[in-house]
N, C-alpha and C. Protein backbone atom coordinates (compact mmCIF):
# COMPACT_ATOMS: atom_id res chain seq x y z
N MET A 1 -232.35 -122.74 -45.46
CA MET A 1 -233.70 -123.22 -45.41
C MET A 1 -234.58 -122.11 -44.86
N THR A 2 -235.71 -121.94 -45.44
CA THR A 2 -236.61 -120.88 -44.99
C THR A 2 -237.85 -121.49 -44.38
N MET A 3 -238.39 -120.72 -43.52
CA MET A 3 -239.62 -121.15 -42.87
C MET A 3 -240.78 -120.90 -43.81
N PRO A 4 -241.80 -121.71 -43.74
CA PRO A 4 -242.96 -121.47 -44.61
C PRO A 4 -243.54 -120.07 -44.34
N GLY A 5 -243.86 -119.37 -45.43
CA GLY A 5 -244.43 -118.04 -45.31
C GLY A 5 -243.39 -116.93 -45.32
N TYR A 6 -242.12 -117.27 -45.26
CA TYR A 6 -241.05 -116.27 -45.29
C TYR A 6 -240.29 -116.37 -46.61
N GLN A 7 -239.81 -115.24 -47.06
CA GLN A 7 -239.02 -115.23 -48.29
C GLN A 7 -237.56 -114.97 -47.95
N THR A 8 -236.69 -115.49 -48.77
CA THR A 8 -235.27 -115.23 -48.56
C THR A 8 -234.94 -113.83 -49.02
N TYR A 9 -233.94 -113.26 -48.39
CA TYR A 9 -233.51 -111.91 -48.75
C TYR A 9 -232.63 -111.97 -49.98
N SER A 10 -232.96 -111.15 -50.96
CA SER A 10 -232.08 -111.01 -52.12
C SER A 10 -231.80 -109.52 -52.29
N PRO A 11 -230.53 -109.16 -52.33
CA PRO A 11 -230.18 -107.74 -52.44
C PRO A 11 -230.67 -107.19 -53.78
N PRO A 12 -230.97 -105.91 -53.81
CA PRO A 12 -231.43 -105.32 -55.07
C PRO A 12 -230.33 -105.40 -56.13
N ALA A 13 -230.74 -105.52 -57.36
CA ALA A 13 -229.78 -105.61 -58.45
C ALA A 13 -229.07 -104.27 -58.62
N ALA A 14 -227.80 -104.34 -58.93
CA ALA A 14 -227.02 -103.12 -59.14
C ALA A 14 -227.50 -102.44 -60.42
N PRO A 15 -227.59 -101.12 -60.41
CA PRO A 15 -228.01 -100.43 -61.62
C PRO A 15 -226.96 -100.60 -62.73
N GLU A 16 -227.45 -100.63 -63.95
CA GLU A 16 -226.54 -100.81 -65.07
C GLU A 16 -225.70 -99.55 -65.26
N ARG A 17 -224.41 -99.72 -65.38
CA ARG A 17 -223.51 -98.59 -65.58
C ARG A 17 -223.42 -98.34 -67.07
N LYS A 18 -223.83 -97.16 -67.49
CA LYS A 18 -223.82 -96.87 -68.91
C LYS A 18 -223.20 -95.52 -69.24
N GLY A 19 -222.38 -95.00 -68.35
CA GLY A 19 -221.76 -93.70 -68.56
C GLY A 19 -220.87 -93.65 -69.79
N LEU A 20 -220.03 -94.67 -69.99
CA LEU A 20 -219.16 -94.69 -71.16
C LEU A 20 -219.95 -94.78 -72.45
N ALA A 21 -221.02 -95.56 -72.44
CA ALA A 21 -221.83 -95.72 -73.64
C ALA A 21 -222.54 -94.41 -73.99
N VAL A 22 -223.06 -93.74 -72.98
CA VAL A 22 -223.73 -92.46 -73.23
C VAL A 22 -222.73 -91.44 -73.75
N ALA A 23 -221.55 -91.39 -73.14
CA ALA A 23 -220.52 -90.45 -73.58
C ALA A 23 -220.11 -90.74 -75.03
N SER A 24 -219.99 -92.00 -75.37
CA SER A 24 -219.64 -92.38 -76.73
C SER A 24 -220.69 -91.92 -77.73
N LEU A 25 -221.94 -92.13 -77.39
CA LEU A 25 -223.03 -91.73 -78.28
C LEU A 25 -223.08 -90.20 -78.43
N VAL A 26 -222.95 -89.49 -77.34
CA VAL A 26 -222.99 -88.02 -77.39
C VAL A 26 -221.81 -87.49 -78.21
N LEU A 27 -220.62 -88.01 -77.97
CA LEU A 27 -219.45 -87.54 -78.71
C LEU A 27 -219.54 -87.89 -80.19
N GLY A 28 -220.12 -89.04 -80.52
CA GLY A 28 -220.30 -89.40 -81.91
C GLY A 28 -221.26 -88.47 -82.63
N ILE A 29 -222.32 -88.07 -81.93
CA ILE A 29 -223.30 -87.17 -82.53
C ILE A 29 -222.75 -85.74 -82.61
N VAL A 30 -222.08 -85.29 -81.58
CA VAL A 30 -221.53 -83.93 -81.55
C VAL A 30 -220.36 -83.78 -82.52
N GLY A 31 -219.67 -84.87 -82.79
CA GLY A 31 -218.50 -84.81 -83.66
C GLY A 31 -218.81 -84.38 -85.07
N LEU A 32 -219.96 -84.76 -85.61
CA LEU A 32 -220.27 -84.43 -87.00
C LEU A 32 -220.38 -82.93 -87.23
N PRO A 33 -221.18 -82.19 -86.47
CA PRO A 33 -221.18 -80.74 -86.69
C PRO A 33 -219.87 -80.07 -86.28
N ALA A 34 -219.13 -80.70 -85.38
CA ALA A 34 -217.85 -80.12 -84.95
C ALA A 34 -216.78 -80.24 -86.03
N LEU A 35 -217.04 -81.01 -87.08
CA LEU A 35 -216.08 -81.09 -88.19
C LEU A 35 -215.92 -79.72 -88.85
N ALA A 36 -216.95 -78.90 -88.79
CA ALA A 36 -216.87 -77.57 -89.39
C ALA A 36 -215.90 -76.66 -88.64
N LEU A 37 -215.53 -77.03 -87.44
CA LEU A 37 -214.60 -76.23 -86.64
C LEU A 37 -213.17 -76.71 -86.88
N CYS A 38 -212.71 -76.55 -88.09
CA CYS A 38 -211.33 -76.93 -88.47
C CYS A 38 -211.03 -78.39 -88.15
N GLY A 39 -211.97 -79.25 -88.30
CA GLY A 39 -211.74 -80.67 -88.10
C GLY A 39 -211.71 -81.10 -86.65
N ALA A 40 -212.15 -80.27 -85.73
CA ALA A 40 -212.14 -80.63 -84.31
C ALA A 40 -213.03 -81.84 -84.05
N GLY A 41 -213.99 -82.08 -84.91
CA GLY A 41 -214.87 -83.24 -84.76
C GLY A 41 -214.14 -84.56 -84.88
N MET A 42 -213.00 -84.55 -85.54
CA MET A 42 -212.23 -85.79 -85.68
C MET A 42 -211.70 -86.24 -84.31
N VAL A 43 -211.22 -85.32 -83.53
CA VAL A 43 -210.71 -85.65 -82.19
C VAL A 43 -211.86 -86.11 -81.30
N VAL A 44 -212.97 -85.39 -81.37
CA VAL A 44 -214.15 -85.73 -80.56
C VAL A 44 -214.65 -87.12 -80.94
N ALA A 45 -214.73 -87.39 -82.24
CA ALA A 45 -215.22 -88.69 -82.70
C ALA A 45 -214.25 -89.82 -82.34
N LEU A 46 -212.97 -89.54 -82.37
CA LEU A 46 -211.99 -90.57 -82.00
C LEU A 46 -212.15 -90.96 -80.53
N VAL A 47 -212.33 -89.96 -79.67
CA VAL A 47 -212.55 -90.25 -78.25
C VAL A 47 -213.85 -91.03 -78.07
N GLY A 48 -214.91 -90.62 -78.78
CA GLY A 48 -216.18 -91.33 -78.71
C GLY A 48 -216.07 -92.77 -79.19
N PHE A 49 -215.27 -92.98 -80.22
CA PHE A 49 -215.07 -94.33 -80.75
C PHE A 49 -214.40 -95.22 -79.70
N VAL A 50 -213.35 -94.70 -79.08
CA VAL A 50 -212.62 -95.48 -78.07
C VAL A 50 -213.52 -95.78 -76.87
N LEU A 51 -214.26 -94.79 -76.40
CA LEU A 51 -215.16 -95.02 -75.26
C LEU A 51 -216.24 -96.05 -75.61
N GLY A 52 -216.76 -95.99 -76.82
CA GLY A 52 -217.77 -96.95 -77.25
C GLY A 52 -217.24 -98.37 -77.30
N VAL A 53 -216.04 -98.52 -77.82
CA VAL A 53 -215.44 -99.86 -77.89
C VAL A 53 -215.18 -100.40 -76.48
N VAL A 54 -214.66 -99.56 -75.60
CA VAL A 54 -214.40 -100.00 -74.22
C VAL A 54 -215.71 -100.41 -73.55
N SER A 55 -216.75 -99.61 -73.72
CA SER A 55 -218.03 -99.91 -73.10
C SER A 55 -218.64 -101.20 -73.67
N ALA A 56 -218.52 -101.40 -74.97
CA ALA A 56 -219.07 -102.60 -75.59
C ALA A 56 -218.32 -103.85 -75.13
N VAL A 57 -217.00 -103.74 -75.00
CA VAL A 57 -216.20 -104.89 -74.54
C VAL A 57 -216.56 -105.24 -73.10
N ARG A 58 -216.79 -104.23 -72.29
CA ARG A 58 -217.18 -104.47 -70.90
C ARG A 58 -218.62 -104.96 -70.78
N GLY A 59 -219.39 -104.83 -71.82
CA GLY A 59 -220.78 -105.29 -71.80
C GLY A 59 -221.72 -104.31 -71.11
N GLN A 60 -221.32 -103.06 -70.99
CA GLN A 60 -222.14 -102.06 -70.32
C GLN A 60 -222.95 -101.32 -71.38
N ALA A 61 -224.29 -101.43 -71.29
CA ALA A 61 -225.20 -100.76 -72.23
C ALA A 61 -224.72 -100.99 -73.66
N ARG A 62 -224.62 -102.24 -74.01
CA ARG A 62 -224.00 -102.65 -75.27
C ARG A 62 -224.62 -102.01 -76.51
N SER A 63 -225.95 -101.94 -76.57
CA SER A 63 -226.58 -101.38 -77.76
C SER A 63 -226.28 -99.88 -77.90
N MET A 64 -226.27 -99.18 -76.79
CA MET A 64 -225.94 -97.75 -76.84
C MET A 64 -224.47 -97.55 -77.19
N ALA A 65 -223.62 -98.42 -76.70
CA ALA A 65 -222.19 -98.34 -77.02
C ALA A 65 -221.97 -98.58 -78.51
N ILE A 66 -222.67 -99.53 -79.08
CA ILE A 66 -222.53 -99.82 -80.52
C ILE A 66 -223.04 -98.64 -81.33
N ALA A 67 -224.13 -98.02 -80.90
CA ALA A 67 -224.63 -96.83 -81.59
C ALA A 67 -223.60 -95.71 -81.54
N GLY A 68 -222.94 -95.55 -80.40
CA GLY A 68 -221.88 -94.55 -80.28
C GLY A 68 -220.70 -94.84 -81.18
N VAL A 69 -220.33 -96.11 -81.29
CA VAL A 69 -219.23 -96.51 -82.17
C VAL A 69 -219.60 -96.22 -83.63
N VAL A 70 -220.83 -96.53 -84.01
CA VAL A 70 -221.27 -96.30 -85.39
C VAL A 70 -221.28 -94.80 -85.71
N CYS A 71 -221.83 -93.98 -84.81
CA CYS A 71 -221.86 -92.52 -85.03
C CYS A 71 -220.44 -91.96 -85.10
N SER A 72 -219.58 -92.41 -84.21
CA SER A 72 -218.20 -91.93 -84.21
C SER A 72 -217.46 -92.37 -85.46
N ALA A 73 -217.67 -93.61 -85.88
CA ALA A 73 -217.01 -94.10 -87.09
C ALA A 73 -217.49 -93.34 -88.32
N ALA A 74 -218.78 -93.05 -88.40
CA ALA A 74 -219.31 -92.28 -89.52
C ALA A 74 -218.68 -90.89 -89.56
N THR A 75 -218.54 -90.27 -88.41
CA THR A 75 -217.91 -88.95 -88.35
C THR A 75 -216.45 -89.02 -88.78
N LEU A 76 -215.74 -90.06 -88.34
CA LEU A 76 -214.34 -90.22 -88.73
C LEU A 76 -214.20 -90.43 -90.24
N VAL A 77 -215.10 -91.21 -90.82
CA VAL A 77 -215.04 -91.45 -92.26
C VAL A 77 -215.33 -90.17 -93.04
N ILE A 78 -216.38 -89.45 -92.65
CA ILE A 78 -216.73 -88.20 -93.33
C ILE A 78 -215.60 -87.18 -93.19
N GLY A 79 -215.04 -87.07 -92.01
CA GLY A 79 -213.92 -86.15 -91.80
C GLY A 79 -212.69 -86.54 -92.59
N GLY A 80 -212.42 -87.83 -92.66
CA GLY A 80 -211.27 -88.30 -93.43
C GLY A 80 -211.41 -88.02 -94.91
N VAL A 81 -212.61 -88.23 -95.44
CA VAL A 81 -212.87 -87.94 -96.86
C VAL A 81 -212.73 -86.44 -97.12
N ALA A 82 -213.24 -85.62 -96.22
CA ALA A 82 -213.14 -84.16 -96.39
C ALA A 82 -211.68 -83.71 -96.36
N ILE A 83 -210.89 -84.24 -95.44
CA ILE A 83 -209.48 -83.86 -95.36
C ILE A 83 -208.74 -84.32 -96.61
N PHE A 84 -209.02 -85.51 -97.09
CA PHE A 84 -208.40 -86.02 -98.31
C PHE A 84 -208.72 -85.12 -99.49
N PHE A 85 -210.01 -84.73 -99.62
CA PHE A 85 -210.43 -83.86 -100.71
C PHE A 85 -209.73 -82.50 -100.65
N LEU A 86 -209.70 -81.90 -99.47
CA LEU A 86 -209.09 -80.58 -99.32
C LEU A 86 -207.58 -80.62 -99.57
N LEU A 87 -206.92 -81.67 -99.09
CA LEU A 87 -205.47 -81.77 -99.32
C LEU A 87 -205.15 -82.01 -100.79
N ASN A 88 -206.01 -82.76 -101.50
CA ASN A 88 -205.81 -82.95 -102.94
C ASN A 88 -205.91 -81.62 -103.68
N LYS A 89 -206.92 -80.82 -103.33
CA LYS A 89 -207.09 -79.51 -103.97
C LYS A 89 -205.91 -78.59 -103.66
N ALA A 90 -205.43 -78.62 -102.43
CA ALA A 90 -204.29 -77.79 -102.05
C ALA A 90 -203.03 -78.22 -102.80
N ALA A 91 -202.84 -79.52 -102.94
CA ALA A 91 -201.68 -80.01 -103.67
C ALA A 91 -201.76 -79.63 -105.14
N GLU A 92 -202.95 -79.64 -105.69
CA GLU A 92 -203.13 -79.25 -107.09
C GLU A 92 -202.75 -77.77 -107.28
N CYS A 93 -203.16 -76.92 -106.35
CA CYS A 93 -202.82 -75.49 -106.46
C CYS A 93 -201.33 -75.24 -106.23
N ALA A 94 -200.65 -76.13 -105.54
CA ALA A 94 -199.23 -75.96 -105.26
C ALA A 94 -198.35 -76.50 -106.38
N ASP A 95 -198.94 -77.12 -107.39
CA ASP A 95 -198.17 -77.71 -108.49
C ASP A 95 -197.51 -76.60 -109.32
N ARG A 96 -196.20 -76.56 -109.30
CA ARG A 96 -195.46 -75.49 -109.99
C ARG A 96 -195.46 -75.67 -111.51
N HIS A 97 -195.72 -76.87 -112.00
CA HIS A 97 -195.79 -77.06 -113.45
C HIS A 97 -197.10 -76.52 -113.99
N LYS A 98 -198.16 -76.70 -113.25
CA LYS A 98 -199.48 -76.24 -113.69
C LYS A 98 -199.67 -74.75 -113.41
N TYR A 99 -199.15 -74.27 -112.27
CA TYR A 99 -199.25 -72.87 -111.87
C TYR A 99 -197.84 -72.37 -111.58
N PRO A 100 -197.16 -71.83 -112.59
CA PRO A 100 -195.73 -71.51 -112.44
C PRO A 100 -195.41 -70.31 -111.55
N ASP A 101 -196.32 -69.35 -111.41
CA ASP A 101 -195.98 -68.18 -110.59
C ASP A 101 -196.94 -68.05 -109.41
N ASP A 102 -196.56 -67.17 -108.48
CA ASP A 102 -197.35 -66.99 -107.26
C ASP A 102 -198.76 -66.49 -107.54
N THR A 103 -198.90 -65.63 -108.52
CA THR A 103 -200.22 -65.09 -108.84
C THR A 103 -201.16 -66.19 -109.31
N ALA A 104 -200.69 -67.07 -110.14
CA ALA A 104 -201.54 -68.17 -110.64
C ALA A 104 -201.91 -69.11 -109.51
N ARG A 105 -200.95 -69.40 -108.63
CA ARG A 105 -201.27 -70.27 -107.49
C ARG A 105 -202.27 -69.61 -106.55
N ARG A 106 -202.12 -68.31 -106.31
CA ARG A 106 -203.06 -67.58 -105.45
C ARG A 106 -204.46 -67.60 -106.05
N GLN A 107 -204.55 -67.43 -107.37
CA GLN A 107 -205.86 -67.47 -108.04
C GLN A 107 -206.48 -68.86 -107.94
N CYS A 108 -205.65 -69.88 -108.03
CA CYS A 108 -206.15 -71.25 -107.87
C CYS A 108 -206.73 -71.45 -106.47
N VAL A 109 -206.01 -70.97 -105.47
CA VAL A 109 -206.49 -71.11 -104.09
C VAL A 109 -207.80 -70.35 -103.90
N GLU A 110 -207.88 -69.15 -104.45
CA GLU A 110 -209.11 -68.36 -104.33
C GLU A 110 -210.28 -69.04 -105.06
N ARG A 111 -209.98 -69.69 -106.18
CA ARG A 111 -211.03 -70.38 -106.94
C ARG A 111 -211.46 -71.67 -106.26
N GLU A 112 -210.52 -72.45 -105.77
CA GLU A 112 -210.82 -73.75 -105.18
C GLU A 112 -211.34 -73.66 -103.75
N PHE A 113 -210.92 -72.62 -103.03
CA PHE A 113 -211.32 -72.45 -101.63
C PHE A 113 -211.99 -71.09 -101.43
N PRO A 114 -213.18 -70.90 -101.99
CA PRO A 114 -213.84 -69.59 -101.88
C PRO A 114 -214.25 -69.26 -100.45
N PHE A 115 -214.33 -70.26 -99.58
CA PHE A 115 -214.73 -70.05 -98.19
C PHE A 115 -213.57 -69.56 -97.33
N ALA A 116 -212.35 -69.64 -97.86
CA ALA A 116 -211.17 -69.21 -97.11
C ALA A 116 -211.01 -67.70 -97.26
N ASP A 117 -210.85 -67.02 -96.16
CA ASP A 117 -210.68 -65.57 -96.16
C ASP A 117 -209.19 -65.27 -96.15
N ASN A 118 -208.71 -64.66 -97.20
CA ASN A 118 -207.29 -64.36 -97.30
C ASN A 118 -207.07 -62.91 -96.90
N ALA A 119 -206.84 -62.68 -95.62
CA ALA A 119 -206.69 -61.33 -95.09
C ALA A 119 -205.35 -60.71 -95.48
N SER A 120 -204.38 -61.51 -95.88
CA SER A 120 -203.07 -60.97 -96.19
C SER A 120 -203.05 -60.22 -97.51
N THR A 121 -204.04 -60.41 -98.39
CA THR A 121 -204.07 -59.73 -99.67
C THR A 121 -204.85 -58.42 -99.62
N ARG A 122 -205.35 -58.06 -98.47
CA ARG A 122 -206.13 -56.82 -98.35
C ARG A 122 -205.26 -55.63 -98.12
């Protein structure tokens, strides 16, 4: 019971903890350009995805956590499609029926992967 003119004490509200959600969002965004570094963005995006899911389940900064999950998932999908495409091309060049000798396979690799620097042939 309070006396007239006095207010009851209420402790200040605890600040919202959003560290996991922020980390998820940052890792999801950084993961996309990091895909150019030999697929390192896949690991970054996977960590961001897990952190985002944990943060969303805990209810901490839920909207930011969902944004982090979406960015991380998009990076994982783009990286997965890129890896699938590159492995298909590599398997095609390794086909011994289509390219029976080493020279033909090497030419296929040079044609399909012009961005790859083959220092061993210099």
